[in-house]
Amino acid sequence: MSEEVKLLRVLQERTGLNDANFARLLGVSKAALCRIFGGKTRMGAKTWRGLLRAFPNEADIVMIARALRDG
């Protein structure tokens, strides 16, 4: 499991939301979120922006995760 998927799962667990509602919170489709969770695609800019918008208190963690992913 990639680090970005781990981050998403931790944040999802904190909210207690199912996949559909978590995707809505992030502003992405459930299908897009499922593709990320399944490792078929990586998080795009829209998902990263959604994370920052939905979790402003976690902005430092989100930015570190993105920096590590992008190398």
N, C-alpha and C. Protein backbone atom coordinates (compact mmCIF):
# COMPACT_ATOMS: atom_id res chain seq x y z
N MET A 1 0.85 -1.17 0.00
CA MET A 1 0.00 0.00 0.00
C MET A 1 0.90 1.24 0.00
N SER A 2 0.61 2.16 -0.90
CA SER A 2 1.44 3.36 -1.01
C SER A 2 1.22 4.28 0.19
N GLU A 3 2.16 5.19 0.39
CA GLU A 3 2.06 6.14 1.49
C GLU A 3 0.85 7.05 1.33
N GLU A 4 0.54 7.44 0.08
CA GLU A 4 -0.60 8.33 -0.11
C GLU A 4 -1.91 7.60 0.20
N VAL A 5 -1.98 6.33 -0.10
CA VAL A 5 -3.19 5.56 0.24
C VAL A 5 -3.28 5.41 1.76
N LYS A 6 -2.17 5.19 2.42
CA LYS A 6 -2.17 5.11 3.88
C LYS A 6 -2.67 6.42 4.48
N LEU A 7 -2.20 7.54 3.93
CA LEU A 7 -2.65 8.85 4.41
C LEU A 7 -4.15 9.01 4.23
N LEU A 8 -4.64 8.67 3.04
CA LEU A 8 -6.07 8.76 2.78
C LEU A 8 -6.87 7.89 3.75
N ARG A 9 -6.42 6.68 3.97
CA ARG A 9 -7.14 5.75 4.86
C ARG A 9 -7.17 6.28 6.30
N VAL A 10 -6.06 6.83 6.76
CA VAL A 10 -6.03 7.38 8.13
C VAL A 10 -7.01 8.54 8.25
N LEU A 11 -6.99 9.44 7.27
CA LEU A 11 -7.89 10.58 7.31
C LEU A 11 -9.35 10.15 7.17
N GLN A 12 -9.59 9.16 6.33
CA GLN A 12 -10.95 8.64 6.18
C GLN A 12 -11.42 8.03 7.50
N GLU A 13 -10.55 7.29 8.13
CA GLU A 13 -10.92 6.66 9.41
C GLU A 13 -11.26 7.72 10.46
N ARG A 14 -10.52 8.82 10.46
CA ARG A 14 -10.79 9.90 11.42
C ARG A 14 -12.19 10.49 11.22
N THR A 15 -12.61 10.57 9.96
CA THR A 15 -13.91 11.16 9.67
C THR A 15 -15.04 10.17 9.89
N GLY A 16 -14.74 8.88 9.80
CA GLY A 16 -15.77 7.86 9.93
C GLY A 16 -16.67 7.76 8.71
N LEU A 17 -16.24 8.32 7.59
CA LEU A 17 -17.05 8.32 6.38
C LEU A 17 -16.79 7.08 5.53
N ASN A 18 -17.81 6.65 4.80
CA ASN A 18 -17.61 5.57 3.84
C ASN A 18 -16.93 6.15 2.59
N ASP A 19 -16.59 5.29 1.64
CA ASP A 19 -15.86 5.74 0.45
C ASP A 19 -16.61 6.82 -0.32
N ALA A 20 -17.91 6.65 -0.50
CA ALA A 20 -18.68 7.61 -1.29
C ALA A 20 -18.70 8.99 -0.63
N ASN A 21 -18.92 9.03 0.67
CA ASN A 21 -18.97 10.31 1.37
C ASN A 21 -17.60 10.94 1.53
N PHE A 22 -16.58 10.11 1.68
CA PHE A 22 -15.21 10.64 1.77
C PHE A 22 -14.81 11.23 0.42
N ALA A 23 -15.15 10.56 -0.66
CA ALA A 23 -14.86 11.09 -2.00
C ALA A 23 -15.56 12.44 -2.18
N ARG A 24 -16.82 12.53 -1.76
CA ARG A 24 -17.58 13.78 -1.86
C ARG A 24 -16.89 14.88 -1.06
N LEU A 25 -16.41 14.57 0.14
CA LEU A 25 -15.70 15.53 0.96
C LEU A 25 -14.47 16.07 0.24
N LEU A 26 -13.78 15.18 -0.48
CA LEU A 26 -12.56 15.58 -1.20
C LEU A 26 -12.86 16.25 -2.54
N GLY A 27 -14.09 16.12 -3.01
CA GLY A 27 -14.45 16.72 -4.29
C GLY A 27 -14.07 15.87 -5.49
N VAL A 28 -13.97 14.56 -5.28
CA VAL A 28 -13.66 13.63 -6.37
C VAL A 28 -14.75 12.58 -6.44
N SER A 29 -14.79 11.85 -7.52
CA SER A 29 -15.79 10.79 -7.64
C SER A 29 -15.39 9.58 -6.80
N LYS A 30 -16.38 8.79 -6.45
CA LYS A 30 -16.10 7.55 -5.72
C LYS A 30 -15.23 6.64 -6.57
N ALA A 31 -15.48 6.61 -7.88
CA ALA A 31 -14.68 5.77 -8.79
C ALA A 31 -13.21 6.19 -8.75
N ALA A 32 -12.96 7.50 -8.77
CA ALA A 32 -11.58 7.98 -8.72
C ALA A 32 -10.91 7.57 -7.41
N LEU A 33 -11.64 7.72 -6.31
CA LEU A 33 -11.09 7.34 -5.02
C LEU A 33 -10.80 5.84 -4.96
N CYS A 34 -11.70 5.04 -5.50
CA CYS A 34 -11.50 3.59 -5.52
C CYS A 34 -10.30 3.20 -6.37
N ARG A 35 -10.07 3.91 -7.47
CA ARG A 35 -8.88 3.64 -8.30
C ARG A 35 -7.60 3.95 -7.53
N ILE A 36 -7.63 5.02 -6.73
CA ILE A 36 -6.47 5.35 -5.91
C ILE A 36 -6.27 4.28 -4.85
N PHE A 37 -7.33 3.93 -4.14
CA PHE A 37 -7.23 2.90 -3.11
C PHE A 37 -6.76 1.57 -3.68
N GLY A 38 -7.17 1.26 -4.90
CA GLY A 38 -6.79 0.00 -5.53
C GLY A 38 -5.41 0.01 -6.17
N GLY A 39 -4.74 1.17 -6.14
CA GLY A 39 -3.39 1.26 -6.71
C GLY A 39 -3.37 1.37 -8.22
N LYS A 40 -4.51 1.63 -8.83
CA LYS A 40 -4.57 1.72 -10.29
C LYS A 40 -4.14 3.09 -10.79
N THR A 41 -4.23 4.09 -9.92
CA THR A 41 -3.82 5.45 -10.27
C THR A 41 -3.31 6.15 -9.03
N ARG A 42 -2.53 7.18 -9.25
CA ARG A 42 -2.02 7.97 -8.14
C ARG A 42 -2.92 9.18 -7.93
N MET A 43 -2.78 9.79 -6.80
CA MET A 43 -3.57 10.99 -6.51
C MET A 43 -3.15 12.11 -7.44
N GLY A 44 -4.14 12.78 -8.01
CA GLY A 44 -3.88 13.92 -8.86
C GLY A 44 -4.03 15.22 -8.09
N ALA A 45 -3.84 16.32 -8.79
CA ALA A 45 -3.91 17.65 -8.16
C ALA A 45 -5.26 17.90 -7.50
N LYS A 46 -6.33 17.45 -8.13
CA LYS A 46 -7.67 17.67 -7.57
C LYS A 46 -7.82 16.99 -6.22
N THR A 47 -7.30 15.79 -6.09
CA THR A 47 -7.38 15.06 -4.82
C THR A 47 -6.52 15.72 -3.76
N TRP A 48 -5.31 16.15 -4.14
CA TRP A 48 -4.44 16.85 -3.18
C TRP A 48 -5.10 18.14 -2.69
N ARG A 49 -5.69 18.91 -3.62
CA ARG A 49 -6.39 20.14 -3.23
C ARG A 49 -7.56 19.82 -2.31
N GLY A 50 -8.28 18.76 -2.61
CA GLY A 50 -9.40 18.35 -1.77
C GLY A 50 -8.96 17.99 -0.37
N LEU A 51 -7.83 17.32 -0.25
CA LEU A 51 -7.29 16.98 1.07
C LEU A 51 -6.96 18.24 1.86
N LEU A 52 -6.32 19.19 1.21
CA LEU A 52 -5.94 20.43 1.89
C LEU A 52 -7.18 21.22 2.31
N ARG A 53 -8.19 21.23 1.47
CA ARG A 53 -9.42 21.95 1.78
C ARG A 53 -10.18 21.25 2.92
N ALA A 54 -10.25 19.94 2.87
CA ALA A 54 -11.02 19.18 3.85
C ALA A 54 -10.30 19.04 5.20
N PHE A 55 -8.98 19.08 5.16
CA PHE A 55 -8.18 18.87 6.38
C PHE A 55 -7.13 19.97 6.53
N PRO A 56 -7.57 21.22 6.73
CA PRO A 56 -6.60 22.32 6.82
C PRO A 56 -5.63 22.18 7.99
N ASN A 57 -6.04 21.52 9.05
CA ASN A 57 -5.15 21.32 10.20
C ASN A 57 -4.08 20.27 9.94
N GLU A 58 -4.23 19.52 8.85
CA GLU A 58 -3.27 18.48 8.48
C GLU A 58 -2.44 18.89 7.27
N ALA A 59 -2.45 20.18 6.94
CA ALA A 59 -1.79 20.66 5.72
C ALA A 59 -0.31 20.28 5.68
N ASP A 60 0.38 20.35 6.82
CA ASP A 60 1.79 20.01 6.83
C ASP A 60 2.02 18.54 6.48
N ILE A 61 1.19 17.66 7.00
CA ILE A 61 1.32 16.23 6.70
C ILE A 61 1.01 15.96 5.23
N VAL A 62 -0.04 16.61 4.73
CA VAL A 62 -0.43 16.43 3.33
C VAL A 62 0.70 16.91 2.41
N MET A 63 1.27 18.06 2.70
CA MET A 63 2.34 18.59 1.85
C MET A 63 3.60 17.73 1.91
N ILE A 64 3.92 17.20 3.07
CA ILE A 64 5.09 16.31 3.20
C ILE A 64 4.85 15.05 2.41
N ALA A 65 3.66 14.48 2.50
CA ALA A 65 3.35 13.27 1.76
C ALA A 65 3.47 13.50 0.26
N ARG A 66 3.00 14.65 -0.21
CA ARG A 66 3.09 14.94 -1.65
C ARG A 66 4.55 15.13 -2.05
N ALA A 67 5.32 15.82 -1.24
CA ALA A 67 6.73 16.04 -1.56
C ALA A 67 7.49 14.71 -1.61
N LEU A 68 7.20 13.83 -0.67
CA LEU A 68 7.86 12.52 -0.68
C LEU A 68 7.48 11.72 -1.90
N ARG A 69 6.22 11.79 -2.30
CA ARG A 69 5.77 11.06 -3.48
C ARG A 69 6.44 11.59 -4.74
N ASP A 70 6.54 12.91 -4.84
CA ASP A 70 7.09 13.52 -6.04
C ASP A 70 8.61 13.50 -6.09
N GLY A 71 9.20 13.11 -4.96
CA GLY A 71 10.65 12.94 -4.90
C GLY A 71 11.37 14.22 -4.97
